[in-house]
C-alpha atoms as a PDB file:
ATOM      1  CA  MET A   1     128.448  55.194 125.437  1.00  0.00           C
ATOM      2  CA  SER A   2     125.846  54.293 128.135  1.00  0.00           C
ATOM      3  CA  SER A   3     122.864  55.208 127.379  1.00  0.00           C
ATOM      4  CA  SER A   4     122.130  58.245 129.832  1.00  0.00           C
ATOM      5  CA  ILE A   5     124.939  59.992 127.638  1.00  0.00           C
ATOM      6  CA  ILE A   6     122.976  59.126 124.249  1.00  0.00           C
ATOM      7  CA  GLN A   7     119.134  60.089 125.727  1.00  0.00           C
ATOM      8  CA  THR A   8     121.595  63.906 126.370  1.00  0.00           C
ATOM      9  CA  THR A   9     123.017  63.698 122.630  1.00  0.00           C
ATOM     10  CA  MET A  10     119.893  62.792 121.428  1.00  0.00           C
ATOM     11  CA  ALA A  11     118.062  66.112 123.734  1.00  0.00           C
ATOM     12  CA  ARG A  12     120.456  67.988 122.194  1.00  0.00           C
ATOM     13  CA  PHE A  13     120.031  67.087 118.565  1.00  0.00           C
ATOM     14  CA  LEU A  14     116.429  67.873 118.395  1.00  0.00           C
ATOM     15  CA  LEU A  15     116.013  70.782 120.214  1.00  0.00           C
ATOM     16  CA  ILE A  16     118.892  72.238 117.615  1.00  0.00           C
ATOM     17  CA  ILE A  17     116.214  70.986 115.235  1.00  0.00           C
ATOM     18  CA  ALA A  18     113.782  72.724 116.864  1.00  0.00           C
ATOM     19  CA  VAL A  19     115.544  76.524 116.824  1.00  0.00           C
ATOM     20  CA  PHE A  20     116.121  75.567 112.809  1.00  0.00           C
ATOM     21  CA  ALA A  21     112.697  74.729 112.593  1.00  0.00           C
ATOM     22  CA  VAL A  22     111.827  77.947 114.364  1.00  0.00           C
ATOM     23  CA  ILE A  23     114.572  79.858 113.190  1.00  0.00           C
ATOM     24  CA  VAL A  24     113.115  79.023 108.782  1.00  0.00           C
ATOM     25  CA  MET A  25     109.308  79.499 109.900  1.00  0.00           C
ATOM     26  CA  ALA A  26     109.818  82.764 112.078  1.00  0.00           C
ATOM     27  CA  GLY A  27     111.340  84.159 108.551  1.00  0.00           C
ATOM     28  CA  TYR A  28     109.149  83.118 106.000  1.00  0.00           C
ATOM     29  CA  LEU A  29     106.728  85.057 107.882  1.00  0.00           C
ATOM     30  CA  THR A  30     108.385  88.218 108.331  1.00  0.00           C
ATOM     31  CA  ARG A  31     109.824  88.530 104.582  1.00  0.00           C
ATOM     32  CA  PRO A  32     108.601  90.716 101.809  1.00  0.00           C
ATOM     33  CA  GLN A  33     105.288  89.943  99.745  1.00  0.00           C
ATOM     34  CA  ASP A  34     104.858  90.018  96.321  1.00  0.00           C
ATOM     35  CA  PRO A  35     103.072  94.530  96.306  1.00  0.00           C
ATOM     36  CA  GLN A  36      99.367  94.901  95.742  1.00  0.00           C
ATOM     37  CA  GLN A  37      96.683  97.604  95.368  1.00  0.00           C
ATOM     38  CA  GLU A  38      96.472  98.709  98.590  1.00  0.00           C
ATOM     39  CA  PRO A  39      93.057  98.486  98.857  1.00  0.00           C
ATOM     40  CA  TYR A  40      92.341  95.892  97.477  1.00  0.00           C
ATOM     41  CA  HIS A  41      90.099  96.293  95.545  1.00  0.00           C
ATOM     42  CA  LEU A  42      91.681  99.489  93.758  1.00  0.00           C
ATOM     43  CA  VAL A  43      93.206  99.464  90.163  1.00  0.00           C
ATOM     44  CA  LYS A  44      95.234 101.627  88.498  1.00  0.00           C
ATOM     45  CA  LEU A  45      95.151 101.772  84.338  1.00  0.00           C
ATOM     46  CA  ASP A  46      96.557 103.033  81.705  1.00  0.00           C
ATOM     47  CA  ASN A  47      95.237 105.880  78.434  1.00  0.00           C
ATOM     48  CA  ASN A  48      94.182 102.073  77.103  1.00  0.00           C
ATOM     49  CA  GLY A  49      91.564 100.404  80.588  1.00  0.00           C
ATOM     50  CA  GLU A  50      94.697  98.214  81.087  1.00  0.00           C
ATOM     51  CA  PRO A  51      95.504  97.926  84.417  1.00  0.00           C
ATOM     52  CA  MET A  52      98.860  98.655  86.496  1.00  0.00           C
ATOM     53  CA  PRO A  53     101.336  97.302  88.487  1.00  0.00           C
ATOM     54  CA  LEU A  54     101.483  99.863  91.880  1.00  0.00           C
ATOM     55  CA  TRP A  55     104.044 101.300  91.754  1.00  0.00           C
ATOM     56  CA  ALA A  56     103.425 102.546  87.775  1.00  0.00           C
ATOM     57  CA  GLY A  57     102.657 105.489  86.419  1.00  0.00           C
ATOM     58  CA  PRO A  58     100.871 107.821  85.077  1.00  0.00           C
ATOM     59  CA  TRP A  59      97.313 106.574  85.400  1.00  0.00           C
ATOM     60  CA  PHE A  60      94.327 107.374  83.267  1.00  0.00           C
ATOM     61  CA  CYS A  61      91.821 106.414  85.775  1.00  0.00           C
ATOM     62  CA  VAL A  62      91.696 104.026  88.986  1.00  0.00           C
ATOM     63  CA  LYS A  63      88.758 100.562  88.808  1.00  0.00           C
ATOM     64  CA  ASP A  64      86.922 100.303  91.601  1.00  0.00           C
ATOM     65  CA  SER A  65      86.463  96.379  91.537  1.00  0.00           C
ATOM     66  CA  LYS A  66      84.884  96.318  94.858  1.00  0.00           C
ATOM     67  CA  ASN A  67      81.806  98.602  93.561  1.00  0.00           C
ATOM     68  CA  ARG A  68      82.083  98.260  90.209  1.00  0.00           C
ATOM     69  CA  LEU A  69      83.182 101.262  88.627  1.00  0.00           C
ATOM     70  CA  ILE A  70      86.185 103.119  87.014  1.00  0.00           C
ATOM     71  CA  TRP A  71      86.638 106.740  87.628  1.00  0.00           C
ATOM     72  CA  GLU A  72      88.333 109.770  85.747  1.00  0.00           C
ATOM     73  CA  ALA A  73      91.587 110.470  88.129  1.00  0.00           C
ATOM     74  CA  LYS A  74      93.175 113.879  88.096  1.00  0.00           C
ATOM     75  CA  ASN A  75      96.671 115.289  86.733  1.00  0.00           C
ATOM     76  CA  ASN A  76      98.653 117.754  87.386  1.00  0.00           C
ATOM     77  CA  ASN A  77      98.482 118.827  82.970  1.00  0.00           C
ATOM     78  CA  GLU A  78      97.370 121.410  81.626  1.00  0.00           C
ATOM     79  CA  ASN A  79      94.964 119.960  80.141  1.00  0.00           C
ATOM     80  CA  LEU A  80      91.355 118.709  80.408  1.00  0.00           C
ATOM     81  CA  HIS A  81      91.542 116.402  83.344  1.00  0.00           C
ATOM     82  CA  HIS A  82      93.947 119.551  85.624  1.00  0.00           C
ATOM     83  CA  GLY A  83      93.173 118.542  89.404  1.00  0.00           C
ATOM     84  CA  SER A  84      92.537 122.664  89.396  1.00  0.00           C
ATOM     85  CA  TRP A  85      89.413 123.455  87.036  1.00  0.00           C
ATOM     86  CA  SER A  86      86.618 123.684  88.111  1.00  0.00           C
ATOM     87  CA  TYR A  87      82.760 124.240  86.154  1.00  0.00           C
ATOM     88  CA  SER A  88      79.347 124.915  86.343  1.00  0.00           C
ATOM     89  CA  TRP A  89      76.934 122.499  86.354  1.00  0.00           C
ATOM     90  CA  PHE A  90      75.286 121.775  83.698  1.00  0.00           C
ATOM     91  CA  ASP A  91      73.897 119.346  81.781  1.00  0.00           C
ATOM     92  CA  GLY A  92      72.816 120.664  77.725  1.00  0.00           C
ATOM     93  CA  GLU A  93      69.029 121.564  80.102  1.00  0.00           C
ATOM     94  CA  THR A  94      68.669 122.404  83.412  1.00  0.00           C
ATOM     95  CA  GLY A  95      71.557 124.275  85.290  1.00  0.00           C
ATOM     96  CA  VAL A  96      73.978 127.278  84.343  1.00  0.00           C
ATOM     97  CA  PRO A  97      77.248 127.553  81.757  1.00  0.00           C
ATOM     98  CA  ASN A  98      80.475 128.183  81.389  1.00  0.00           C
ATOM     99  CA  LYS A  99      80.278 129.555  85.328  1.00  0.00           C
ATOM    100  CA  GLY A 100      83.810 127.342  85.880  1.00  0.00           C
ATOM    101  CA  ASN A 101      87.787 128.638  85.514  1.00  0.00           C
ATOM    102  CA  CYS A 102      89.213 125.321  83.206  1.00  0.00           C
ATOM    103  CA  ASN A 103      92.314 128.115  81.780  1.00  0.00           C
ATOM    104  CA  HIS A 104      93.216 125.413  79.025  1.00  0.00           C
ATOM    105  CA  GLU A 105      91.508 125.516  75.632  1.00  0.00           C
ATOM    106  CA  ASP A 106      90.086 129.137  74.178  1.00  0.00           C
ATOM    107  CA  ASP A 107      86.902 126.550  72.917  1.00  0.00           C
ATOM    108  CA  TYR A 108      86.485 124.874  76.348  1.00  0.00           C
ATOM    109  CA  GLN A 109      82.967 125.503  78.940  1.00  0.00           C
ATOM    110  CA  CYS A 110      84.028 125.503  81.750  1.00  0.00           C
ATOM    111  CA  ASP A 111      80.422 123.707  82.373  1.00  0.00           C
ATOM    112  CA  VAL A 112      80.507 119.684  83.039  1.00  0.00           C
ATOM    113  CA  ALA A 113      78.038 119.274  80.029  1.00  0.00           C
ATOM    114  CA  ASP A 114      81.409 120.324  77.735  1.00  0.00           C
ATOM    115  CA  LEU A 115      83.922 118.281  80.467  1.00  0.00           C
ATOM    116  CA  LEU A 116      81.673 114.689  79.795  1.00  0.00           C
ATOM    117  CA  GLU A 117      81.554 115.526  75.971  1.00  0.00           C
ATOM    118  CA  LYS A 118      85.420 116.030  75.409  1.00  0.00           C
ATOM    119  CA  THR A 119      85.598 113.163  78.287  1.00  0.00           C
ATOM    120  CA  ARG A 120      83.865 110.839  76.116  1.00  0.00           C
ATOM    121  CA  SER A 121      85.424 111.948  72.917  1.00  0.00           C
ATOM    122  CA  GLU A 122      88.890 111.259  73.590  1.00  0.00           C
ATOM    123  CA  GLN A 123      87.560 107.760  75.536  1.00  0.00           C
ATOM    124  CA  LEU A 124      89.419 107.862  77.784  1.00  0.00           C
ATOM    125  CA  CYS A 125      90.512 104.857  79.236  1.00  0.00           C
ATOM    126  CA  GLY A 126      89.024 102.665  76.055  1.00  0.00           C
ATOM    127  CA  ILE A 127      85.939 104.413  78.223  1.00  0.00           C
ATOM    128  CA  ARG A 128      82.942 106.649  75.752  1.00  0.00           C
ATOM    129  CA  ASN A 129      80.241 106.286  78.900  1.00  0.00           C
ATOM    130  CA  TRP A 130      82.040 109.171  81.178  1.00  0.00           C
ATOM    131  CA  ARG A 131      79.275 110.018  83.542  1.00  0.00           C
ATOM    132  CA  LEU A 132      78.896 112.128  86.301  1.00  0.00           C
ATOM    133  CA  PRO A 133      78.053 110.612  90.318  1.00  0.00           C
ATOM    134  CA  THR A 134      75.959 110.020  92.876  1.00  0.00           C
ATOM    135  CA  ALA A 135      76.127 111.388  95.712  1.00  0.00           C
ATOM    136  CA  ALA A 136      75.541 107.892  96.826  1.00  0.00           C
ATOM    137  CA  GLU A 137      78.843 106.643  94.571  1.00  0.00           C
ATOM    138  CA  LEU A 138      81.243 109.796  94.748  1.00  0.00           C
ATOM    139  CA  LYS A 139      80.430 109.111  99.233  1.00  0.00           C
ATOM    140  CA  THR A 140      82.271 105.878  98.683  1.00  0.00           C
ATOM    141  CA  LEU A 141      85.562 108.167  98.443  1.00  0.00           C
ATOM    142  CA  VAL A 142      85.640 109.777 100.714  1.00  0.00           C
ATOM    143  CA  ARG A 143      88.073 108.532 103.328  1.00  0.00           C
ATOM    144  CA  GLU A 144      87.469 108.990 107.109  1.00  0.00           C
ATOM    145  CA  GLN A 145      90.969 108.605 108.466  1.00  0.00           C
ATOM    146  CA  ASN A 146      92.301 111.292 105.430  1.00  0.00           C
ATOM    147  CA  ILE A 147      89.912 113.473 107.221  1.00  0.00           C
ATOM    148  CA  GLY A 148      91.983 116.845 108.437  1.00  0.00           C
ATOM    149  CA  TYR A 149      95.356 115.596 106.896  1.00  0.00           C
ATOM    150  CA  GLY A 150      95.041 116.888 102.896  1.00  0.00           C
ATOM    151  CA  ALA A 151      92.063 115.440 100.875  1.00  0.00           C
ATOM    152  CA  SER A 152      89.882 112.843 102.506  1.00  0.00           C
ATOM    153  CA  ILE A 153      90.612 110.588  99.409  1.00  0.00           C
ATOM    154  CA  ASN A 154      92.989 107.377  98.945  1.00  0.00           C
ATOM    155  CA  GLN A 155      95.469 109.688  97.850  1.00  0.00           C
ATOM    156  CA  ALA A 156      98.059 107.297  96.480  1.00  0.00           C
ATOM    157  CA  PHE A 157      95.489 106.409  93.182  1.00  0.00           C
ATOM    158  CA  PHE A 158      93.406 109.791  93.660  1.00  0.00           C
ATOM    159  CA  PRO A 159      96.950 112.007  93.846  1.00  0.00           C
ATOM    160  CA  TYR A 160      95.343 116.622  93.014  1.00  0.00           C
ATOM    161  CA  THR A 161      92.089 116.328  94.909  1.00  0.00           C
ATOM    162  CA  ARG A 162      91.011 119.640  96.331  1.00  0.00           C
ATOM    163  CA  GLN A 163      89.909 119.685  99.258  1.00  0.00           C
ATOM    164  CA  SER A 164      86.600 121.131  98.270  1.00  0.00           C
ATOM    165  CA  ASN A 165      83.017 120.958  97.023  1.00  0.00           C
ATOM    166  CA  TYR A 166      83.227 117.807  93.511  1.00  0.00           C
ATOM    167  CA  TRP A 167      78.894 118.378  91.464  1.00  0.00           C
ATOM    168  CA  THR A 168      77.592 114.808  91.640  1.00  0.00           C
ATOM    169  CA  ALA A 169      75.007 114.043  89.502  1.00  0.00           C
ATOM    170  CA  ASP A 170      71.456 114.063  91.952  1.00  0.00           C
ATOM    171  CA  LYS A 171      70.126 117.419  90.490  1.00  0.00           C
ATOM    172  CA  GLY A 172      67.118 119.897  91.130  1.00  0.00           C
ATOM    173  CA  GLN A 173      67.535 119.724  95.236  1.00  0.00           C
ATOM    174  CA  LYS A 174      65.729 122.920  97.384  1.00  0.00           C
ATOM    175  CA  LEU A 175      67.989 125.524  98.302  1.00  0.00           C
ATOM    176  CA  THR A 176      67.615 127.186 101.496  1.00  0.00           C
ATOM    177  CA  GLY A 177      69.230 129.156 103.537  1.00  0.00           C
ATOM    178  CA  PHE A 178      72.474 131.684 101.964  1.00  0.00           C
ATOM    179  CA  TYR A 179      71.486 129.771  98.772  1.00  0.00           C
ATOM    180  CA  GLN A 180      67.422 129.987  99.151  1.00  0.00           C
ATOM    181  CA  ARG A 181      67.019 132.740  96.771  1.00  0.00           C
ATOM    182  CA  PHE A 182      68.262 131.007  93.944  1.00  0.00           C
ATOM    183  CA  GLY A 183      65.670 127.940  94.023  1.00  0.00           C
ATOM    184  CA  GLU A 184      66.981 124.982  93.618  1.00  0.00           C
ATOM    185  CA  GLY A 185      70.818 123.582  92.603  1.00  0.00           C
ATOM    186  CA  ALA A 186      72.566 120.361  92.938  1.00  0.00           C
ATOM    187  CA  LYS A 187      74.619 117.712  95.758  1.00  0.00           C
ATOM    188  CA  VAL A 188      77.772 118.070  96.105  1.00  0.00           C
ATOM    189  CA  ILE A 189      80.620 116.379  98.293  1.00  0.00           C
ATOM    190  CA  ASN A 190      83.366 117.500 100.019  1.00  0.00           C
ATOM    191  CA  PHE A 191      86.654 116.350 100.475  1.00  0.00           C
ATOM    192  CA  LYS A 192      87.772 118.434 102.665  1.00  0.00           C
ATOM    193  CA  ASP A 193      85.195 116.704 105.706  1.00  0.00           C
ATOM    194  CA  GLY A 194      83.623 114.308 102.834  1.00  0.00           C
ATOM    195  CA  GLU A 195      80.321 116.167 104.242  1.00  0.00           C
ATOM    196  CA  GLU A 196      77.260 116.300 101.389  1.00  0.00           C
ATOM    197  CA  ASN A 197      75.244 119.634 100.615  1.00  0.00           C
ATOM    198  CA  THR A 198      73.793 121.574  98.104  1.00  0.00           C
ATOM    199  CA  LEU A 199      75.297 124.761  95.564  1.00  0.00           C
ATOM    200  CA  PRO A 200      73.709 126.158  93.216  1.00  0.00           C
ATOM    201  CA  TYR A 201      74.359 125.128  89.746  1.00  0.00           C
ATOM    202  CA  SER A 202      76.815 128.462  88.757  1.00  0.00           C
ATOM    203  CA  ASN A 203      78.631 127.464  91.859  1.00  0.00           C
ATOM    204  CA  ALA A 204      82.395 127.033  90.012  1.00  0.00           C
ATOM    205  CA  SER A 205      83.127 123.438  91.569  1.00  0.00           C
ATOM    206  CA  PHE A 206      85.793 120.541  90.859  1.00  0.00           C
ATOM    207  CA  VAL A 207      83.949 117.270  89.048  1.00  0.00           C
ATOM    208  CA  ARG A 208      85.374 112.895  89.050  1.00  0.00           C
ATOM    209  CA  LEU A 209      83.971 111.973  86.230  1.00  0.00           C
ATOM    210  CA  VAL A 210      82.590 107.539  86.327  1.00  0.00           C
ATOM    211  CA  SER A 211      81.861 105.477  84.528  1.00  0.00           C
ATOM    212  CA  ASN A 212      80.251 101.524  85.399  1.00  0.00           C
ATOM    213  CA  TYR A 213      82.237  98.567  83.799  1.00  0.00           C
END
């Protein structure tokens, strides 16, 4: 066999190996990846506070490892954490009690203080130190790319979020304009447009509780 034939055969052999290597690498790069939490800092928790797979449910809380917070998850059941229940702002001293709408138990008051008391008592996700979030904390949940397309939040982790106002812990805020006659109120974050406003304590708004970890 002449040297030219041998060289041609070797060249073809090396080309075949190169093509095979490219095919294998392409298949590796495009193969389905293992499921991951998206975005990666949010994790579902069961009612004992244990992490759950992305595709699992129902979940009761959401852990935010970026901001070291655990959020109450809302649901569509006729219980304490129904996403459509609203509450007036009241902490036992400041505010106005029982002016919201939470028709699930006769002995429940529809205000923030009562929601906090009952959530702490039941130890949702194994946690006792539930509280209202600050405006800055609640703003971390606003997802601007969702504005105009339902609630401006990651709806995969926070379903049953209303396109409306959610109370914060920032009380003693001076009211202006239409609400000026009420004196003071508390800040809210609106999950329709992501904006921050101040409302009278007697206003019926939604609540998402939070805890540090």
